[in-house]
PDB file of N, CA and C in Angstrom:
ATOM      1  N   MET A   1      -5.811 -13.504  15.183  1.00  0.00           N
ATOM      2  CA  MET A   1      -6.240 -12.934  13.728  1.00  0.00           C
ATOM      3  C   MET A   1      -5.861 -12.017  13.374  1.00  0.00           C
ATOM      4  N   VAL A   2      -5.956 -11.836  11.980  1.00  0.00           N
ATOM      5  CA  VAL A   2      -5.253 -11.133  11.364  1.00  0.00           C
ATOM      6  C   VAL A   2      -6.573  -9.875  10.908  1.00  0.00           C
ATOM      7  N   LYS A   3      -6.354  -8.303  11.435  1.00  0.00           N
ATOM      8  CA  LYS A   3      -7.292  -7.637  11.005  1.00  0.00           C
ATOM      9  C   LYS A   3      -6.303  -6.331   9.934  1.00  0.00           C
ATOM     10  N   LYS A   4      -7.346  -6.084   9.072  1.00  0.00           N
ATOM     11  CA  LYS A   4      -7.589  -4.827   8.517  1.00  0.00           C
ATOM     12  C   LYS A   4      -6.537  -4.012   8.768  1.00  0.00           C
ATOM     13  N   GLU A   5      -7.083  -3.349   9.951  1.00  0.00           N
ATOM     14  CA  GLU A   5      -6.198  -2.326  10.460  1.00  0.00           C
ATOM     15  C   GLU A   5      -4.629  -2.780  10.872  1.00  0.00           C
ATOM     16  N   GLY A   6      -4.612  -3.811  11.313  1.00  0.00           N
ATOM     17  CA  GLY A   6      -2.896  -4.267  11.288  1.00  0.00           C
ATOM     18  C   GLY A   6      -2.839  -4.179  10.048  1.00  0.00           C
ATOM     19  N   VAL A   7      -3.099  -4.194   9.118  1.00  0.00           N
ATOM     20  CA  VAL A   7      -2.893  -4.690   7.591  1.00  0.00           C
ATOM     21  C   VAL A   7      -1.955  -3.076   6.999  1.00  0.00           C
ATOM     22  N   MET A   8      -3.204  -2.454   7.273  1.00  0.00           N
ATOM     23  CA  MET A   8      -2.895  -0.886   6.999  1.00  0.00           C
ATOM     24  C   MET A   8      -1.578   0.008   8.259  1.00  0.00           C
ATOM     25  N   LYS A   9      -1.389  -0.600   9.269  1.00  0.00           N
ATOM     26  CA  LYS A   9      -0.276  -0.467   9.848  1.00  0.00           C
ATOM     27  C   LYS A   9       0.706  -0.742   9.389  1.00  0.00           C
ATOM     28  N   ALA A  10       0.868  -1.853   9.204  1.00  0.00           N
ATOM     29  CA  ALA A  10       2.058  -2.484   8.576  1.00  0.00           C
ATOM     30  C   ALA A  10       2.265  -1.792   7.250  1.00  0.00           C
ATOM     31  N   LEU A  11       1.325  -1.171   6.925  1.00  0.00           N
ATOM     32  CA  LEU A  11       1.549  -0.452   5.290  1.00  0.00           C
ATOM     33  C   LEU A  11       2.321   0.680   4.689  1.00  0.00           C
ATOM     34  N   LYS A  12       1.853   1.019   6.260  1.00  0.00           N
ATOM     35  CA  LYS A  12       2.360   2.940   6.456  1.00  0.00           C
ATOM     36  C   LYS A  12       3.680   2.708   6.989  1.00  0.00           C
ATOM     37  N   LYS A  13       4.326   1.886   6.947  1.00  0.00           N
ATOM     38  CA  LYS A  13       5.490   1.517   6.934  1.00  0.00           C
ATOM     39  C   LYS A  13       6.486   1.775   5.605  1.00  0.00           C
ATOM     40  N   VAL A  14       5.917   1.188   4.526  1.00  0.00           N
ATOM     41  CA  VAL A  14       6.610   1.769   2.935  1.00  0.00           C
ATOM     42  C   VAL A  14       6.786   2.743   2.886  1.00  0.00           C
ATOM     43  N   LEU A  15       7.499   3.479   2.327  1.00  0.00           N
ATOM     44  CA  LEU A  15       7.664   5.047   1.720  1.00  0.00           C
ATOM     45  C   LEU A  15       7.967   4.576   0.229  1.00  0.00           C
ATOM     46  N   ASP A  16       7.352   5.595  -0.205  1.00  0.00           N
ATOM     47  CA  ASP A  16       7.831   5.546  -1.695  1.00  0.00           C
ATOM     48  C   ASP A  16       8.723   6.511  -1.542  1.00  0.00           C
ATOM     49  N   PRO A  17       9.676   6.093  -1.964  1.00  0.00           N
ATOM     50  CA  PRO A  17      11.213   6.889  -1.914  1.00  0.00           C
ATOM     51  C   PRO A  17      11.426   8.341  -2.735  1.00  0.00           C
ATOM     52  N   GLU A  18      10.596   8.065  -3.639  1.00  0.00           N
ATOM     53  CA  GLU A  18      10.812   9.157  -4.633  1.00  0.00           C
ATOM     54  C   GLU A  18       9.837  10.571  -4.052  1.00  0.00           C
ATOM     55  N   ILE A  19       8.732  10.376  -3.104  1.00  0.00           N
ATOM     56  CA  ILE A  19       8.038  11.188  -2.559  1.00  0.00           C
ATOM     57  C   ILE A  19       8.614  11.110  -1.110  1.00  0.00           C
ATOM     58  N   GLY A  20       9.007   9.740  -0.476  1.00  0.00           N
ATOM     59  CA  GLY A  20       9.072  10.381   0.915  1.00  0.00           C
ATOM     60  C   GLY A  20       7.816  10.022   1.633  1.00  0.00           C
ATOM     61  N   ILE A  21       6.389   9.692   1.270  1.00  0.00           N
ATOM     62  CA  ILE A  21       5.310   9.130   1.937  1.00  0.00           C
ATOM     63  C   ILE A  21       5.461   7.858   1.821  1.00  0.00           C
ATOM     64  N   ASN A  22       4.109   7.881   3.170  1.00  0.00           N
ATOM     65  CA  ASN A  22       3.792   6.055   2.609  1.00  0.00           C
ATOM     66  C   ASN A  22       2.532   5.274   1.735  1.00  0.00           C
ATOM     67  N   ILE A  23       2.806   4.652   1.304  1.00  0.00           N
ATOM     68  CA  ILE A  23       1.846   3.967   0.128  1.00  0.00           C
ATOM     69  C   ILE A  23       0.488   4.215   0.940  1.00  0.00           C
ATOM     70  N   VAL A  24       0.437   4.101   2.100  1.00  0.00           N
ATOM     71  CA  VAL A  24      -1.806   4.695   2.999  1.00  0.00           C
ATOM     72  C   VAL A  24      -1.639   6.157   2.385  1.00  0.00           C
ATOM     73  N   ASP A  25      -0.850   6.782   2.704  1.00  0.00           N
ATOM     74  CA  ASP A  25      -1.260   7.994   2.404  1.00  0.00           C
ATOM     75  C   ASP A  25      -1.209   8.769   1.363  1.00  0.00           C
ATOM     76  N   LEU A  26      -0.611   7.800   0.648  1.00  0.00           N
ATOM     77  CA  LEU A  26      -0.556   8.450  -0.589  1.00  0.00           C
ATOM     78  C   LEU A  26      -1.650   8.064  -1.168  1.00  0.00           C
ATOM     79  N   GLY A  27      -2.412   7.303  -0.991  1.00  0.00           N
ATOM     80  CA  GLY A  27      -3.504   6.880  -1.241  1.00  0.00           C
ATOM     81  C   GLY A  27      -3.566   5.747  -2.275  1.00  0.00           C
ATOM     82  N   LEU A  28      -2.301   4.788  -2.686  1.00  0.00           N
ATOM     83  CA  LEU A  28      -2.053   3.517  -3.347  1.00  0.00           C
ATOM     84  C   LEU A  28      -2.669   1.841  -3.529  1.00  0.00           C
ATOM     85  N   ILE A  29      -3.000   2.822  -1.726  1.00  0.00           N
ATOM     86  CA  ILE A  29      -3.552   1.274  -1.190  1.00  0.00           C
ATOM     87  C   ILE A  29      -5.418   0.952  -1.661  1.00  0.00           C
ATOM     88  N   TYR A  30      -5.966   0.111  -2.337  1.00  0.00           N
ATOM     89  CA  TYR A  30      -7.736   0.048  -2.938  1.00  0.00           C
ATOM     90  C   TYR A  30      -8.858  -0.961  -2.292  1.00  0.00           C
ATOM     91  N   GLU A  31      -7.725  -1.607  -1.918  1.00  0.00           N
ATOM     92  CA  GLU A  31      -8.068  -3.065  -0.967  1.00  0.00           C
ATOM     93  C   GLU A  31      -7.786  -3.542  -0.296  1.00  0.00           C
ATOM     94  N   VAL A  32      -8.071  -4.261   0.560  1.00  0.00           N
ATOM     95  CA  VAL A  32      -7.477  -5.555   1.753  1.00  0.00           C
ATOM     96  C   VAL A  32      -8.174  -6.103   1.086  1.00  0.00           C
ATOM     97  N   ARG A  33      -8.054  -7.389   1.433  1.00  0.00           N
ATOM     98  CA  ARG A  33      -8.736  -8.879   1.968  1.00  0.00           C
ATOM     99  C   ARG A  33      -8.035  -9.759   2.527  1.00  0.00           C
ATOM    100  N   ILE A  34      -8.656 -10.394   3.558  1.00  0.00           N
ATOM    101  CA  ILE A  34      -8.202 -11.145   4.167  1.00  0.00           C
ATOM    102  C   ILE A  34      -9.037 -12.461   4.767  1.00  0.00           C
ATOM    103  N   ASN A  35      -8.421 -13.551   4.232  1.00  0.00           N
ATOM    104  CA  ASN A  35      -9.479 -15.175   4.189  1.00  0.00           C
ATOM    105  C   ASN A  35      -8.136 -15.968   4.739  1.00  0.00           C
ATOM    106  N   SER A  36      -8.683 -16.854   6.581  1.00  0.00           N
ATOM    107  CA  SER A  36      -7.758 -16.954   6.849  1.00  0.00           C
ATOM    108  C   SER A  36      -6.300 -17.313   6.766  1.00  0.00           C
ATOM    109  N   GLY A  37      -5.693 -16.323   7.145  1.00  0.00           N
ATOM    110  CA  GLY A  37      -4.476 -15.754   7.090  1.00  0.00           C
ATOM    111  C   GLY A  37      -3.787 -15.305   5.452  1.00  0.00           C
ATOM    112  N   LEU A  38      -4.718 -15.483   4.805  1.00  0.00           N
ATOM    113  CA  LEU A  38      -4.092 -15.457   3.243  1.00  0.00           C
ATOM    114  C   LEU A  38      -4.542 -13.693   3.168  1.00  0.00           C
ATOM    115  N   VAL A  39      -3.568 -12.795   2.601  1.00  0.00           N
ATOM    116  CA  VAL A  39      -3.801 -11.125   2.640  1.00  0.00           C
ATOM    117  C   VAL A  39      -3.312 -10.980   1.229  1.00  0.00           C
ATOM    118  N   GLU A  40      -4.641  -9.998   0.452  1.00  0.00           N
ATOM    119  CA  GLU A  40      -4.564  -9.445  -0.841  1.00  0.00           C
ATOM    120  C   GLU A  40      -4.691  -8.608  -0.799  1.00  0.00           C
ATOM    121  N   ILE A  41      -3.548  -8.203  -1.508  1.00  0.00           N
ATOM    122  CA  ILE A  41      -3.539  -6.204  -1.120  1.00  0.00           C
ATOM    123  C   ILE A  41      -3.504  -5.838  -3.349  1.00  0.00           C
ATOM    124  N   ASP A  42      -4.864  -5.391  -3.499  1.00  0.00           N
ATOM    125  CA  ASP A  42      -4.531  -4.131  -4.779  1.00  0.00           C
ATOM    126  C   ASP A  42      -4.263  -2.991  -3.931  1.00  0.00           C
ATOM    127  N   MET A  43      -3.435  -2.778  -4.696  1.00  0.00           N
ATOM    128  CA  MET A  43      -2.863  -1.434  -4.488  1.00  0.00           C
ATOM    129  C   MET A  43      -2.381  -0.719  -6.052  1.00  0.00           C
ATOM    130  N   THR A  44      -2.448   0.438  -6.231  1.00  0.00           N
ATOM    131  CA  THR A  44      -1.935   1.091  -7.640  1.00  0.00           C
ATOM    132  C   THR A  44      -0.521   1.876  -7.590  1.00  0.00           C
ATOM    133  N   LEU A  45      -0.634   3.099  -8.446  1.00  0.00           N
ATOM    134  CA  LEU A  45       1.389   3.329  -8.596  1.00  0.00           C
ATOM    135  C   LEU A  45       0.728   5.185  -8.738  1.00  0.00           C
ATOM    136  N   THR A  46       1.511   6.013  -8.777  1.00  0.00           N
ATOM    137  CA  THR A  46       1.020   7.676  -8.948  1.00  0.00           C
ATOM    138  C   THR A  46       0.887   7.467 -10.610  1.00  0.00           C
ATOM    139  N   SER A  47       2.002   6.350 -11.575  1.00  0.00           N
ATOM    140  CA  SER A  47       2.005   6.136 -12.737  1.00  0.00           C
ATOM    141  C   SER A  47       2.299   4.872 -12.851  1.00  0.00           C
ATOM    142  N   PRO A  48       1.674   4.220 -13.941  1.00  0.00           N
ATOM    143  CA  PRO A  48       1.862   2.624 -14.652  1.00  0.00           C
ATOM    144  C   PRO A  48       3.139   2.927 -15.262  1.00  0.00           C
ATOM    145  N   GLY A  49       3.893   3.180 -14.986  1.00  0.00           N
ATOM    146  CA  GLY A  49       5.404   2.902 -14.986  1.00  0.00           C
ATOM    147  C   GLY A  49       6.185   3.371 -14.393  1.00  0.00           C
ATOM    148  N   CYS A  50       6.023   3.455 -13.214  1.00  0.00           N
ATOM    149  CA  CYS A  50       6.343   3.096 -12.468  1.00  0.00           C
ATOM    150  C   CYS A  50       7.816   2.570 -11.865  1.00  0.00           C
ATOM    151  N   PRO A  51       9.237   3.269 -11.809  1.00  0.00           N
ATOM    152  CA  PRO A  51      10.329   1.971 -12.236  1.00  0.00           C
ATOM    153  C   PRO A  51      10.432   1.928 -10.662  1.00  0.00           C
ATOM    154  N   ILE A  52       9.941   2.067  -8.971  1.00  0.00           N
ATOM    155  CA  ILE A  52      10.177   1.519  -7.939  1.00  0.00           C
ATOM    156  C   ILE A  52       9.250   0.649  -7.751  1.00  0.00           C
ATOM    157  N   ALA A  53       8.178   0.052  -8.648  1.00  0.00           N
ATOM    158  CA  ALA A  53       6.896  -1.034  -8.327  1.00  0.00           C
ATOM    159  C   ALA A  53       7.348  -2.152  -8.050  1.00  0.00           C
ATOM    160  N   PRO A  54       8.394  -2.364  -8.336  1.00  0.00           N
ATOM    161  CA  PRO A  54       8.959  -3.796  -7.683  1.00  0.00           C
ATOM    162  C   PRO A  54       9.469  -4.209  -6.161  1.00  0.00           C
ATOM    163  N   GLN A  55      10.017  -2.681  -6.144  1.00  0.00           N
ATOM    164  CA  GLN A  55      10.301  -2.693  -4.410  1.00  0.00           C
ATOM    165  C   GLN A  55       9.333  -2.292  -3.531  1.00  0.00           C
ATOM    166  N   LEU A  56       8.290  -1.436  -3.614  1.00  0.00           N
ATOM    167  CA  LEU A  56       7.123  -1.157  -3.151  1.00  0.00           C
ATOM    168  C   LEU A  56       6.242  -2.809  -3.131  1.00  0.00           C
ATOM    169  N   MET A  57       6.164  -3.039  -3.853  1.00  0.00           N
ATOM    170  CA  MET A  57       5.740  -4.550  -4.143  1.00  0.00           C
ATOM    171  C   MET A  57       6.245  -5.267  -2.670  1.00  0.00           C
ATOM    172  N   SER A  58       7.774  -5.281  -3.241  1.00  0.00           N
ATOM    173  CA  SER A  58       7.834  -6.200  -2.457  1.00  0.00           C
ATOM    174  C   SER A  58       8.516  -6.031  -0.498  1.00  0.00           C
ATOM    175  N   GLU A  59       8.443  -4.414  -0.171  1.00  0.00           N
ATOM    176  CA  GLU A  59       8.528  -4.338   0.915  1.00  0.00           C
ATOM    177  C   GLU A  59       7.217  -4.157   1.328  1.00  0.00           C
ATOM    178  N   ALA A  60       5.818  -4.279   0.856  1.00  0.00           N
ATOM    179  CA  ALA A  60       4.485  -4.442   1.049  1.00  0.00           C
ATOM    180  C   ALA A  60       4.351  -5.702   1.702  1.00  0.00           C
ATOM    181  N   GLU A  61       4.328  -6.467   0.820  1.00  0.00           N
ATOM    182  CA  GLU A  61       4.493  -8.644   1.158  1.00  0.00           C
ATOM    183  C   GLU A  61       5.275  -8.359   2.558  1.00  0.00           C
ATOM    184  N   LYS A  62       6.409  -8.301   2.271  1.00  0.00           N
ATOM    185  CA  LYS A  62       7.109  -8.324   3.511  1.00  0.00           C
ATOM    186  C   LYS A  62       6.651  -7.892   5.121  1.00  0.00           C
ATOM    187  N   ASN A  63       6.545  -6.808   4.949  1.00  0.00           N
ATOM    188  CA  ASN A  63       5.728  -6.026   5.818  1.00  0.00           C
ATOM    189  C   ASN A  63       4.829  -6.436   6.881  1.00  0.00           C
ATOM    190  N   VAL A  64       2.924  -6.505   5.670  1.00  0.00           N
ATOM    191  CA  VAL A  64       2.328  -8.061   6.289  1.00  0.00           C
ATOM    192  C   VAL A  64       3.149  -9.151   6.839  1.00  0.00           C
ATOM    193  N   ASN A  65       4.185  -9.808   5.692  1.00  0.00           N
ATOM    194  CA  ASN A  65       4.181 -10.826   6.494  1.00  0.00           C
ATOM    195  C   ASN A  65       4.230 -11.277   7.579  1.00  0.00           C
ATOM    196  N   LYS A  66       4.640 -10.281   8.214  1.00  0.00           N
ATOM    197  CA  LYS A  66       5.347 -10.331   9.552  1.00  0.00           C
ATOM    198  C   LYS A  66       4.236 -10.488  10.441  1.00  0.00           C
ATOM    199  N   LEU A  67       3.753  -9.901   9.952  1.00  0.00           N
ATOM    200  CA  LEU A  67       2.721 -10.055  11.233  1.00  0.00           C
ATOM    201  C   LEU A  67       2.027 -11.049  11.328  1.00  0.00           C
ATOM    202  N   LYS A  68       1.675 -11.700  12.759  1.00  0.00           N
ATOM    203  CA  LYS A  68       1.155 -12.348  13.511  1.00  0.00           C
ATOM    204  C   LYS A  68      -0.264 -12.984  13.047  1.00  0.00           C
ATOM    205  N   GLY A  69       0.191 -14.566  12.647  1.00  0.00           N
ATOM    206  CA  GLY A  69      -1.120 -14.834  12.024  1.00  0.00           C
ATOM    207  C   GLY A  69      -1.620 -14.805  10.537  1.00  0.00           C
ATOM    208  N   VAL A  70      -0.400 -13.826   9.830  1.00  0.00           N
ATOM    209  CA  VAL A  70      -0.171 -14.001   8.190  1.00  0.00           C
ATOM    210  C   VAL A  70       0.471 -14.762   7.619  1.00  0.00           C
ATOM    211  N   LYS A  71      -0.194 -15.821   6.735  1.00  0.00           N
ATOM    212  CA  LYS A  71       0.327 -17.219   6.060  1.00  0.00           C
ATOM    213  C   LYS A  71       0.806 -16.286   4.911  1.00  0.00           C
ATOM    214  N   LYS A  72       0.363 -15.386   4.010  1.00  0.00           N
ATOM    215  CA  LYS A  72       0.484 -14.944   2.753  1.00  0.00           C
ATOM    216  C   LYS A  72       0.550 -13.765   2.548  1.00  0.00           C
ATOM    217  N   THR A  73       1.235 -13.349   1.666  1.00  0.00           N
ATOM    218  CA  THR A  73       0.716 -11.583   1.398  1.00  0.00           C
ATOM    219  C   THR A  73       1.152 -11.752  -0.114  1.00  0.00           C
ATOM    220  N   THR A  74      -0.395 -11.191  -1.414  1.00  0.00           N
ATOM    221  CA  THR A  74       0.069 -11.036  -2.612  1.00  0.00           C
ATOM    222  C   THR A  74      -0.403  -9.863  -2.672  1.00  0.00           C
ATOM    223  N   VAL A  75       0.373  -8.883  -2.875  1.00  0.00           N
ATOM    224  CA  VAL A  75       0.081  -7.437  -3.822  1.00  0.00           C
ATOM    225  C   VAL A  75      -0.398  -7.791  -5.153  1.00  0.00           C
ATOM    226  N   GLU A  76      -1.106  -7.238  -6.003  1.00  0.00           N
ATOM    227  CA  GLU A  76      -1.721  -6.714  -7.010  1.00  0.00           C
ATOM    228  C   GLU A  76      -1.360  -5.259  -7.576  1.00  0.00           C
ATOM    229  N   PHE A  77      -1.108  -4.876  -8.846  1.00  0.00           N
ATOM    230  CA  PHE A  77      -1.169  -4.081  -8.811  1.00  0.00           C
ATOM    231  C   PHE A  77      -2.263  -3.447  -9.471  1.00  0.00           C
ATOM    232  N   VAL A  78      -2.922  -2.427  -9.571  1.00  0.00           N
ATOM    233  CA  VAL A  78      -4.643  -2.151 -10.407  1.00  0.00           C
ATOM    234  C   VAL A  78      -4.417  -0.851 -10.764  1.00  0.00           C
ATOM    235  N   PHE A  79      -4.839  -0.911 -12.061  1.00  0.00           N
ATOM    236  CA  PHE A  79      -4.767   0.667 -12.467  1.00  0.00           C
ATOM    237  C   PHE A  79      -6.160   1.208 -12.885  1.00  0.00           C
ATOM    238  N   ASP A  80      -7.420   0.619 -12.228  1.00  0.00           N
ATOM    239  CA  ASP A  80      -8.716   1.107 -12.368  1.00  0.00           C
ATOM    240  C   ASP A  80      -9.652   1.826 -10.932  1.00  0.00           C
ATOM    241  N   PRO A  81      -9.851   2.341 -10.504  1.00  0.00           N
ATOM    242  CA  PRO A  81      -9.668   3.808 -11.363  1.00  0.00           C
ATOM    243  C   PRO A  81      -8.050   3.960 -11.264  1.00  0.00           C
ATOM    244  N   PRO A  82      -7.919   5.047 -11.970  1.00  0.00           N
ATOM    245  CA  PRO A  82      -6.490   5.337 -11.859  1.00  0.00           C
ATOM    246  C   PRO A  82      -6.511   6.334 -10.854  1.00  0.00           C
ATOM    247  N   TRP A  83      -4.755   6.233 -10.146  1.00  0.00           N
ATOM    248  CA  TRP A  83      -4.564   7.365  -8.995  1.00  0.00           C
ATOM    249  C   TRP A  83      -4.623   8.352  -9.470  1.00  0.00           C
ATOM    250  N   LYS A  84      -5.178   9.003  -8.578  1.00  0.00           N
ATOM    251  CA  LYS A  84      -5.539  10.999  -8.681  1.00  0.00           C
ATOM    252  C   LYS A  84      -4.753  11.812  -7.691  1.00  0.00           C
ATOM    253  N   PRO A  85      -3.976  12.673  -6.996  1.00  0.00           N
ATOM    254  CA  PRO A  85      -3.340  13.588  -5.893  1.00  0.00           C
ATOM    255  C   PRO A  85      -4.924  13.596  -4.835  1.00  0.00           C
ATOM    256  N   ASP A  86      -6.010  13.309  -5.106  1.00  0.00           N
ATOM    257  CA  ASP A  86      -6.955  13.726  -4.506  1.00  0.00           C
ATOM    258  C   ASP A  86      -7.483  12.447  -3.463  1.00  0.00           C
ATOM    259  N   LYS A  87      -6.459  11.379  -4.027  1.00  0.00           N
ATOM    260  CA  LYS A  87      -6.526   9.903  -3.320  1.00  0.00           C
ATOM    261  C   LYS A  87      -5.710   9.957  -2.326  1.00  0.00           C
ATOM    262  N   MET A  88      -5.079  11.127  -2.203  1.00  0.00           N
ATOM    263  CA  MET A  88      -4.069  10.921  -0.976  1.00  0.00           C
ATOM    264  C   MET A  88      -4.683  11.852   1.008  1.00  0.00           C
ATOM    265  N   SER A  89      -4.102  11.054   1.128  1.00  0.00           N
ATOM    266  CA  SER A  89      -4.638  12.324   2.555  1.00  0.00           C
ATOM    267  C   SER A  89      -4.144  13.298   2.490  1.00  0.00           C
ATOM    268  N   ALA A  90      -5.073  13.628   3.535  1.00  0.00           N
ATOM    269  CA  ALA A  90      -4.850  15.365   4.127  1.00  0.00           C
ATOM    270  C   ALA A  90      -3.775  15.859   4.423  1.00  0.00           C
ATOM    271  N   GLU A  91      -3.346  14.598   5.160  1.00  0.00           N
ATOM    272  CA  GLU A  91      -1.871  14.518   6.205  1.00  0.00           C
ATOM    273  C   GLU A  91      -0.708  15.060   4.746  1.00  0.00           C
ATOM    274  N   ALA A  92      -0.752  13.971   4.121  1.00  0.00           N
ATOM    275  CA  ALA A  92      -0.169  13.859   2.508  1.00  0.00           C
ATOM    276  C   ALA A  92      -0.200  15.076   1.762  1.00  0.00           C
ATOM    277  N   ARG A  93      -0.799  15.565   1.967  1.00  0.00           N
ATOM    278  CA  ARG A  93      -1.452  16.534   0.536  1.00  0.00           C
ATOM    279  C   ARG A  93      -0.892  18.171   1.122  1.00  0.00           C
ATOM    280  N   LYS A  94      -1.365  17.533   2.674  1.00  0.00           N
ATOM    281  CA  LYS A  94      -0.115  18.882   3.588  1.00  0.00           C
ATOM    282  C   LYS A  94       1.592  19.013   3.476  1.00  0.00           C
ATOM    283  N   GLU A  95       1.316  17.880   3.054  1.00  0.00           N
ATOM    284  CA  GLU A  95       2.947  17.398   3.403  1.00  0.00           C
ATOM    285  C   GLU A  95       4.138  17.760   1.807  1.00  0.00           C
ATOM    286  N   LEU A  96       2.914  17.731   0.442  1.00  0.00           N
ATOM    287  CA  LEU A  96       3.287  18.164  -0.097  1.00  0.00           C
ATOM    288  C   LEU A  96       3.329  19.466  -0.524  1.00  0.00           C
ATOM    289  N   GLY A  97       2.854  20.369   0.066  1.00  0.00           N
ATOM    290  CA  GLY A  97       1.876  21.486  -0.305  1.00  0.00           C
ATOM    291  C   GLY A  97       0.630  21.502  -1.607  1.00  0.00           C
ATOM    292  N   ILE A  98       0.024  20.659  -1.161  1.00  0.00           N
ATOM    293  CA  ILE A  98      -0.815  20.513  -2.316  1.00  0.00           C
ATOM    294  C   ILE A  98      -2.599  20.861  -1.795  1.00  0.00           C
TER     295      ILE A  98
END
């Protein structure tokens, strides 16, 4: 059975190449829904025009699809609420000197 904790662990392997911090600690993951092996992820970007959006989506889907029991992963970009630096984990803020 697929669990949210496993999905989040898989998503932590996806690094934002411009910043060098994973998308979970950056606070980009807004919601994870799991239903019968289908995983739906709502995520945002640090800016709506982010040029690496397709790469982040592809890597997120690829990493989650590797989990046992996952049939399909879909990532949808959402921008409400807008991302703010306060969504980052304490570790990410410390690493960036914020």
